[in-house]
């Protein structure tokens, strides 16, 4: 990795009707400045940071999409 970011650092998945963040890193994935391990459900306004220090992303909106 470069700058504290792993090649496959984390993954966003939709599971059980929720948007989830799955940490796959060696360097740390943070949500609202708390290091996570494994998988957590995201909420609107959550701030995701990858690495330490690292880039930040904010969850703005989550929408359900129709499906069968």
PDB file of N, CA and C in Angstrom:
ATOM      1  N   UNK A   1       0.819  -1.201   0.000  1.00  0.00           N
ATOM      2  CA  UNK A   1       0.000   0.000   0.000  1.00  0.00           C
ATOM      3  C   UNK A   1       0.852   1.249   0.000  1.00  0.00           C
ATOM      4  N   UNK A   2       0.233   2.356  -0.308  1.00  0.00           N
ATOM      5  CA  UNK A   2       0.922   3.637  -0.345  1.00  0.00           C
ATOM      6  C   UNK A   2       0.232   4.591   0.608  1.00  0.00           C
ATOM      7  N   UNK A   3       0.981   5.281   1.448  1.00  0.00           N
ATOM      8  CA  UNK A   3       0.405   6.260   2.351  1.00  0.00           C
ATOM      9  C   UNK A   3      -0.597   5.677   3.326  1.00  0.00           C
ATOM     10  N   UNK A   4      -0.356   4.440   3.780  1.00  0.00           N
ATOM     11  CA  UNK A   4      -1.256   3.833   4.747  1.00  0.00           C
ATOM     12  C   UNK A   4      -2.540   3.294   4.161  1.00  0.00           C
ATOM     13  N   UNK A   5      -2.553   3.061   2.848  1.00  0.00           N
ATOM     14  CA  UNK A   5      -3.752   2.522   2.202  1.00  0.00           C
ATOM     15  C   UNK A   5      -3.402   1.184   1.569  1.00  0.00           C
ATOM     16  N   UNK A   6      -4.189   0.169   1.872  1.00  0.00           N
ATOM     17  CA  UNK A   6      -3.989  -1.159   1.298  1.00  0.00           C
ATOM     18  C   UNK A   6      -4.551  -1.204  -0.118  1.00  0.00           C
ATOM     19  N   UNK A   7      -4.082  -2.149  -0.915  1.00  0.00           N
ATOM     20  CA  UNK A   7      -4.602  -2.297  -2.285  1.00  0.00           C
ATOM     21  C   UNK A   7      -6.096  -2.571  -2.292  1.00  0.00           C
ATOM     22  N   UNK A   8      -6.541  -3.463  -1.449  1.00  0.00           N
ATOM     23  CA  UNK A   8      -7.975  -3.753  -1.298  1.00  0.00           C
ATOM     24  C   UNK A   8      -8.348  -3.317   0.112  1.00  0.00           C
ATOM     25  N   UNK A   9      -8.474  -2.021   0.308  1.00  0.00           N
ATOM     26  CA  UNK A   9      -8.575  -1.449   1.651  1.00  0.00           C
ATOM     27  C   UNK A   9      -9.916  -1.727   2.318  1.00  0.00           C
ATOM     28  N   UNK A  10     -10.993  -1.426   1.608  1.00  0.00           N
ATOM     29  CA  UNK A  10     -12.323  -1.638   2.169  1.00  0.00           C
ATOM     30  C   UNK A  10     -13.309  -1.815   1.024  1.00  0.00           C
ATOM     31  N   UNK A  11     -14.504  -2.218   1.376  1.00  0.00           N
ATOM     32  CA  UNK A  11     -15.518  -2.509   0.368  1.00  0.00           C
ATOM     33  C   UNK A  11     -16.865  -2.007   0.871  1.00  0.00           C
ATOM     34  N   UNK A  12     -17.638  -1.406  -0.029  1.00  0.00           N
ATOM     35  CA  UNK A  12     -19.018  -1.024   0.275  1.00  0.00           C
ATOM     36  C   UNK A  12     -19.931  -2.085  -0.310  1.00  0.00           C
ATOM     37  N   UNK A  13     -20.829  -2.610   0.499  1.00  0.00           N
ATOM     38  CA  UNK A  13     -21.761  -3.636   0.034  1.00  0.00           C
ATOM     39  C   UNK A  13     -23.166  -3.300   0.525  1.00  0.00           C
ATOM     40  N   UNK A  14     -24.154  -3.712  -0.246  1.00  0.00           N
ATOM     41  CA  UNK A  14     -25.536  -3.585   0.203  1.00  0.00           C
ATOM     42  C   UNK A  14     -25.969  -4.971   0.654  1.00  0.00           C
ATOM     43  N   UNK A  15     -26.299  -5.082   1.930  1.00  0.00           N
ATOM     44  CA  UNK A  15     -26.662  -6.371   2.497  1.00  0.00           C
ATOM     45  C   UNK A  15     -27.782  -6.146   3.501  1.00  0.00           C
ATOM     46  N   UNK A  16     -28.792  -6.986   3.443  1.00  0.00           N
ATOM     47  CA  UNK A  16     -29.921  -6.892   4.380  1.00  0.00           C
ATOM     48  C   UNK A  16     -30.563  -5.507   4.354  1.00  0.00           C
ATOM     49  N   UNK A  17     -30.608  -4.888   3.167  1.00  0.00           N
ATOM     50  CA  UNK A  17     -31.245  -3.585   3.023  1.00  0.00           C
ATOM     51  C   UNK A  17     -30.440  -2.423   3.568  1.00  0.00           C
ATOM     52  N   UNK A  18     -29.181  -2.662   3.941  1.00  0.00           N
ATOM     53  CA  UNK A  18     -28.338  -1.604   4.499  1.00  0.00           C
ATOM     54  C   UNK A  18     -27.059  -1.476   3.684  1.00  0.00           C
ATOM     55  N   UNK A  19     -26.489  -0.273   3.692  1.00  0.00           N
ATOM     56  CA  UNK A  19     -25.184  -0.056   3.097  1.00  0.00           C
ATOM     57  C   UNK A  19     -24.149  -0.340   4.170  1.00  0.00           C
ATOM     58  N   UNK A  20     -23.238  -1.257   3.872  1.00  0.00           N
ATOM     59  CA  UNK A  20     -22.251  -1.669   4.872  1.00  0.00           C
ATOM     60  C   UNK A  20     -20.843  -1.413   4.350  1.00  0.00           C
ATOM     61  N   UNK A  21     -19.967  -1.113   5.281  1.00  0.00           N
ATOM     62  CA  UNK A  21     -18.556  -0.920   4.989  1.00  0.00           C
ATOM     63  C   UNK A  21     -17.800  -2.090   5.592  1.00  0.00           C
ATOM     64  N   UNK A  22     -16.991  -2.747   4.770  1.00  0.00           N
ATOM     65  CA  UNK A  22     -16.220  -3.904   5.214  1.00  0.00           C
ATOM     66  C   UNK A  22     -14.737  -3.539   5.172  1.00  0.00           C
ATOM     67  N   UNK A  23     -14.083  -3.591   6.322  1.00  0.00           N
ATOM     68  CA  UNK A  23     -12.653  -3.288   6.412  1.00  0.00           C
ATOM     69  C   UNK A  23     -11.853  -4.505   5.984  1.00  0.00           C
ATOM     70  N   UNK A  24     -10.918  -4.302   5.045  1.00  0.00           N
ATOM     71  CA  UNK A  24     -10.045  -5.382   4.580  1.00  0.00           C
ATOM     72  C   UNK A  24      -8.583  -4.951   4.649  1.00  0.00           C
ATOM     73  N   UNK A  25      -8.305  -3.941   5.462  1.00  0.00           N
ATOM     74  CA  UNK A  25      -6.986  -3.317   5.438  1.00  0.00           C
ATOM     75  C   UNK A  25      -6.076  -3.788   6.563  1.00  0.00           C
ATOM     76  N   UNK A  26      -4.788  -3.446   6.398  1.00  0.00           N
ATOM     77  CA  UNK A  26      -3.814  -3.604   7.475  1.00  0.00           C
ATOM     78  C   UNK A  26      -3.611  -2.282   8.191  1.00  0.00           C
ATOM     79  N   UNK A  27      -3.991  -1.181   7.538  1.00  0.00           N
ATOM     80  CA  UNK A  27      -3.654   0.156   8.032  1.00  0.00           C
ATOM     81  C   UNK A  27      -4.787   0.846   8.773  1.00  0.00           C
ATOM     82  N   UNK A  28      -5.998   0.351   8.645  1.00  0.00           N
ATOM     83  CA  UNK A  28      -7.114   0.946   9.372  1.00  0.00           C
ATOM     84  C   UNK A  28      -8.125   1.648   8.488  1.00  0.00           C
ATOM     85  N   UNK A  29      -9.372   1.375   8.773  1.00  0.00           N
ATOM     86  CA  UNK A  29     -10.501   2.071   8.173  1.00  0.00           C
ATOM     87  C   UNK A  29     -11.267   2.691   9.331  1.00  0.00           C
ATOM     88  N   UNK A  30     -11.618   3.959   9.188  1.00  0.00           N
ATOM     89  CA  UNK A  30     -12.233   4.708  10.282  1.00  0.00           C
ATOM     90  C   UNK A  30     -13.586   5.253   9.848  1.00  0.00           C
ATOM     91  N   UNK A  31     -14.566   5.178  10.734  1.00  0.00           N
ATOM     92  CA  UNK A  31     -15.867   5.801  10.514  1.00  0.00           C
ATOM     93  C   UNK A  31     -16.096   6.739  11.688  1.00  0.00           C
ATOM     94  N   UNK A  32     -16.290   8.006  11.370  1.00  0.00           N
ATOM     95  CA  UNK A  32     -16.464   9.034  12.405  1.00  0.00           C
ATOM     96  C   UNK A  32     -15.308   9.012  13.408  1.00  0.00           C
ATOM     97  N   UNK A  33     -14.087   8.849  12.855  1.00  0.00           N
ATOM     98  CA  UNK A  33     -12.834   8.853  13.619  1.00  0.00           C
ATOM     99  C   UNK A  33     -12.659   7.657  14.555  1.00  0.00           C
ATOM    100  N   UNK A  34     -13.488   6.622  14.414  1.00  0.00           N
ATOM    101  CA  UNK A  34     -13.307   5.397  15.202  1.00  0.00           C
ATOM    102  C   UNK A  34     -12.880   4.283  14.258  1.00  0.00           C
ATOM    103  N   UNK A  35     -11.795   3.598  14.623  1.00  0.00           N
ATOM    104  CA  UNK A  35     -11.323   2.494  13.790  1.00  0.00           C
ATOM    105  C   UNK A  35     -12.328   1.354  13.858  1.00  0.00           C
ATOM    106  N   UNK A  36     -12.646   0.808  12.694  1.00  0.00           N
ATOM    107  CA  UNK A  36     -13.590  -0.305  12.653  1.00  0.00           C
ATOM    108  C   UNK A  36     -12.835  -1.591  12.370  1.00  0.00           C
ATOM    109  N   UNK A  37     -13.474  -2.691  12.689  1.00  0.00           N
ATOM    110  CA  UNK A  37     -12.950  -3.995  12.291  1.00  0.00           C
ATOM    111  C   UNK A  37     -14.134  -4.788  11.779  1.00  0.00           C
ATOM    112  N   UNK A  38     -13.906  -5.539  10.739  1.00  0.00           N
ATOM    113  CA  UNK A  38     -14.995  -6.318  10.169  1.00  0.00           C
ATOM    114  C   UNK A  38     -15.933  -5.446   9.365  1.00  0.00           C
ATOM    115  N   UNK A  39     -17.225  -5.519   9.695  1.00  0.00           N
ATOM    116  CA  UNK A  39     -18.270  -4.884   8.898  1.00  0.00           C
ATOM    117  C   UNK A  39     -19.179  -4.040   9.781  1.00  0.00           C
ATOM    118  N   UNK A  40     -19.527  -2.839   9.304  1.00  0.00           N
ATOM    119  CA  UNK A  40     -20.493  -2.012  10.031  1.00  0.00           C
ATOM    120  C   UNK A  40     -21.506  -1.432   9.052  1.00  0.00           C
ATOM    121  N   UNK A  41     -22.700  -1.144   9.555  1.00  0.00           N
ATOM    122  CA  UNK A  41     -23.735  -0.479   8.762  1.00  0.00           C
ATOM    123  C   UNK A  41     -23.458   1.021   8.777  1.00  0.00           C
ATOM    124  N   UNK A  42     -23.552   1.648   7.605  1.00  0.00           N
ATOM    125  CA  UNK A  42     -23.332   3.083   7.496  1.00  0.00           C
ATOM    126  C   UNK A  42     -24.644   3.841   7.624  1.00  0.00           C
ATOM    127  N   UNK A  43     -24.539   5.070   8.085  1.00  0.00           N
ATOM    128  CA  UNK A  43     -25.684   5.967   8.234  1.00  0.00           C
ATOM    129  C   UNK A  43     -25.391   7.256   7.461  1.00  0.00           C
ATOM    130  N   UNK A  44     -26.447   7.984   7.043  1.00  0.00           N
ATOM    131  CA  UNK A  44     -26.203   9.280   6.401  1.00  0.00           C
ATOM    132  C   UNK A  44     -25.357  10.170   7.316  1.00  0.00           C
ATOM    133  N   UNK A  45     -24.456  10.922   6.726  1.00  0.00           N
ATOM    134  CA  UNK A  45     -23.543  11.852   7.402  1.00  0.00           C
ATOM    135  C   UNK A  45     -22.327  11.172   8.024  1.00  0.00           C
ATOM    136  N   UNK A  46     -22.225   9.834   7.976  1.00  0.00           N
ATOM    137  CA  UNK A  46     -21.008   9.174   8.441  1.00  0.00           C
ATOM    138  C   UNK A  46     -19.825   9.638   7.596  1.00  0.00           C
ATOM    139  N   UNK A  47     -18.674   9.775   8.233  1.00  0.00           N
ATOM    140  CA  UNK A  47     -17.446  10.149   7.538  1.00  0.00           C
ATOM    141  C   UNK A  47     -16.513   8.945   7.564  1.00  0.00           C
ATOM    142  N   UNK A  48     -16.102   8.505   6.380  1.00  0.00           N
ATOM    143  CA  UNK A  48     -15.225   7.346   6.221  1.00  0.00           C
ATOM    144  C   UNK A  48     -13.822   7.863   5.918  1.00  0.00           C
ATOM    145  N   UNK A  49     -12.830   7.340   6.629  1.00  0.00           N
ATOM    146  CA  UNK A  49     -11.434   7.694   6.349  1.00  0.00           C
ATOM    147  C   UNK A  49     -10.658   6.410   6.152  1.00  0.00           C
ATOM    148  N   UNK A  50      -9.877   6.370   5.075  1.00  0.00           N
ATOM    149  CA  UNK A  50      -9.048   5.195   4.824  1.00  0.00           C
ATOM    150  C   UNK A  50      -7.591   5.569   5.053  1.00  0.00           C
ATOM    151  N   UNK A  51      -6.916   4.775   5.873  1.00  0.00           N
ATOM    152  CA  UNK A  51      -5.528   5.037   6.209  1.00  0.00           C
ATOM    153  C   UNK A  51      -5.402   6.064   7.317  1.00  0.00           C
ATOM    154  N   UNK A  52      -4.149   6.301   7.718  1.00  0.00           N
ATOM    155  CA  UNK A  52      -3.896   7.236   8.810  1.00  0.00           C
ATOM    156  C   UNK A  52      -2.586   7.968   8.550  1.00  0.00           C
ATOM    157  N   UNK A  53      -2.552   9.234   8.157  1.00  0.00           N
ATOM    158  CA  UNK A  53      -3.735  10.003   7.765  1.00  0.00           C
ATOM    159  C   UNK A  53      -4.203   9.532   6.405  1.00  0.00           C
ATOM    160  N   UNK A  54      -5.388   9.875   6.039  1.00  0.00           N
ATOM    161  CA  UNK A  54      -5.877   9.387   4.759  1.00  0.00           C
ATOM    162  C   UNK A  54      -6.996  10.223   4.197  1.00  0.00           C
ATOM    163  N   UNK A  55      -7.478   9.764   3.060  1.00  0.00           N
ATOM    164  CA  UNK A  55      -8.581  10.435   2.387  1.00  0.00           C
ATOM    165  C   UNK A  55      -9.873  10.221   3.151  1.00  0.00           C
ATOM    166  N   UNK A  56     -10.761  11.214   3.090  1.00  0.00           N
ATOM    167  CA  UNK A  56     -12.051  11.109   3.763  1.00  0.00           C
ATOM    168  C   UNK A  56     -13.177  11.175   2.746  1.00  0.00           C
ATOM    169  N   UNK A  57     -14.222  10.414   3.012  1.00  0.00           N
ATOM    170  CA  UNK A  57     -15.452  10.412   2.221  1.00  0.00           C
ATOM    171  C   UNK A  57     -16.605  10.578   3.186  1.00  0.00           C
ATOM    172  N   UNK A  58     -17.643  11.290   2.764  1.00  0.00           N
ATOM    173  CA  UNK A  58     -18.820  11.424   3.624  1.00  0.00           C
ATOM    174  C   UNK A  58     -20.020  10.823   2.926  1.00  0.00           C
ATOM    175  N   UNK A  59     -20.798  10.040   3.694  1.00  0.00           N
ATOM    176  CA  UNK A  59     -22.040   9.472   3.181  1.00  0.00           C
ATOM    177  C   UNK A  59     -23.057  10.606   3.152  1.00  0.00           C
ATOM    178  N   UNK A  60     -23.533  10.967   1.969  1.00  0.00           N
ATOM    179  CA  UNK A  60     -24.474  12.071   1.822  1.00  0.00           C
ATOM    180  C   UNK A  60     -25.908  11.566   1.847  1.00  0.00           C
ATOM    181  N   UNK A  61     -26.177  10.552   1.047  1.00  0.00           N
ATOM    182  CA  UNK A  61     -27.548  10.078   0.926  1.00  0.00           C
ATOM    183  C   UNK A  61     -27.518   8.595   0.598  1.00  0.00           C
ATOM    184  N   UNK A  62     -28.478   7.876   1.137  1.00  0.00           N
ATOM    185  CA  UNK A  62     -28.619   6.458   0.821  1.00  0.00           C
ATOM    186  C   UNK A  62     -30.038   6.258   0.324  1.00  0.00           C
ATOM    187  N   UNK A  63     -30.173   5.599  -0.821  1.00  0.00           N
ATOM    188  CA  UNK A  63     -31.488   5.378  -1.394  1.00  0.00           C
ATOM    189  C   UNK A  63     -31.712   3.898  -1.617  1.00  0.00           C
ATOM    190  N   UNK A  64     -32.922   3.475  -1.339  1.00  0.00           N
ATOM    191  CA  UNK A  64     -33.307   2.101  -1.657  1.00  0.00           C
ATOM    192  C   UNK A  64     -33.672   2.058  -3.130  1.00  0.00           C
ATOM    193  N   UNK A  65     -33.253   1.008  -3.797  1.00  0.00           N
ATOM    194  CA  UNK A  65     -33.627   0.840  -5.192  1.00  0.00           C
ATOM    195  C   UNK A  65     -34.545  -0.352  -5.304  1.00  0.00           C
ATOM    196  N   UNK A  66     -35.465  -0.273  -6.239  1.00  0.00           N
ATOM    197  CA  UNK A  66     -36.413  -1.368  -6.430  1.00  0.00           C
ATOM    198  C   UNK A  66     -35.725  -2.599  -6.964  1.00  0.00           C
ATOM    199  N   UNK A  67     -36.263  -3.735  -6.654  1.00  0.00           N
ATOM    200  CA  UNK A  67     -35.692  -4.988  -7.125  1.00  0.00           C
ATOM    201  C   UNK A  67     -36.700  -6.094  -6.975  1.00  0.00           C
ATOM    202  N   UNK A  68     -36.344  -7.233  -7.508  1.00  0.00           N
ATOM    203  CA  UNK A  68     -37.243  -8.383  -7.390  1.00  0.00           C
ATOM    204  C   UNK A  68     -36.609  -9.449  -6.546  1.00  0.00           C
TER     205      UNK A  68
END
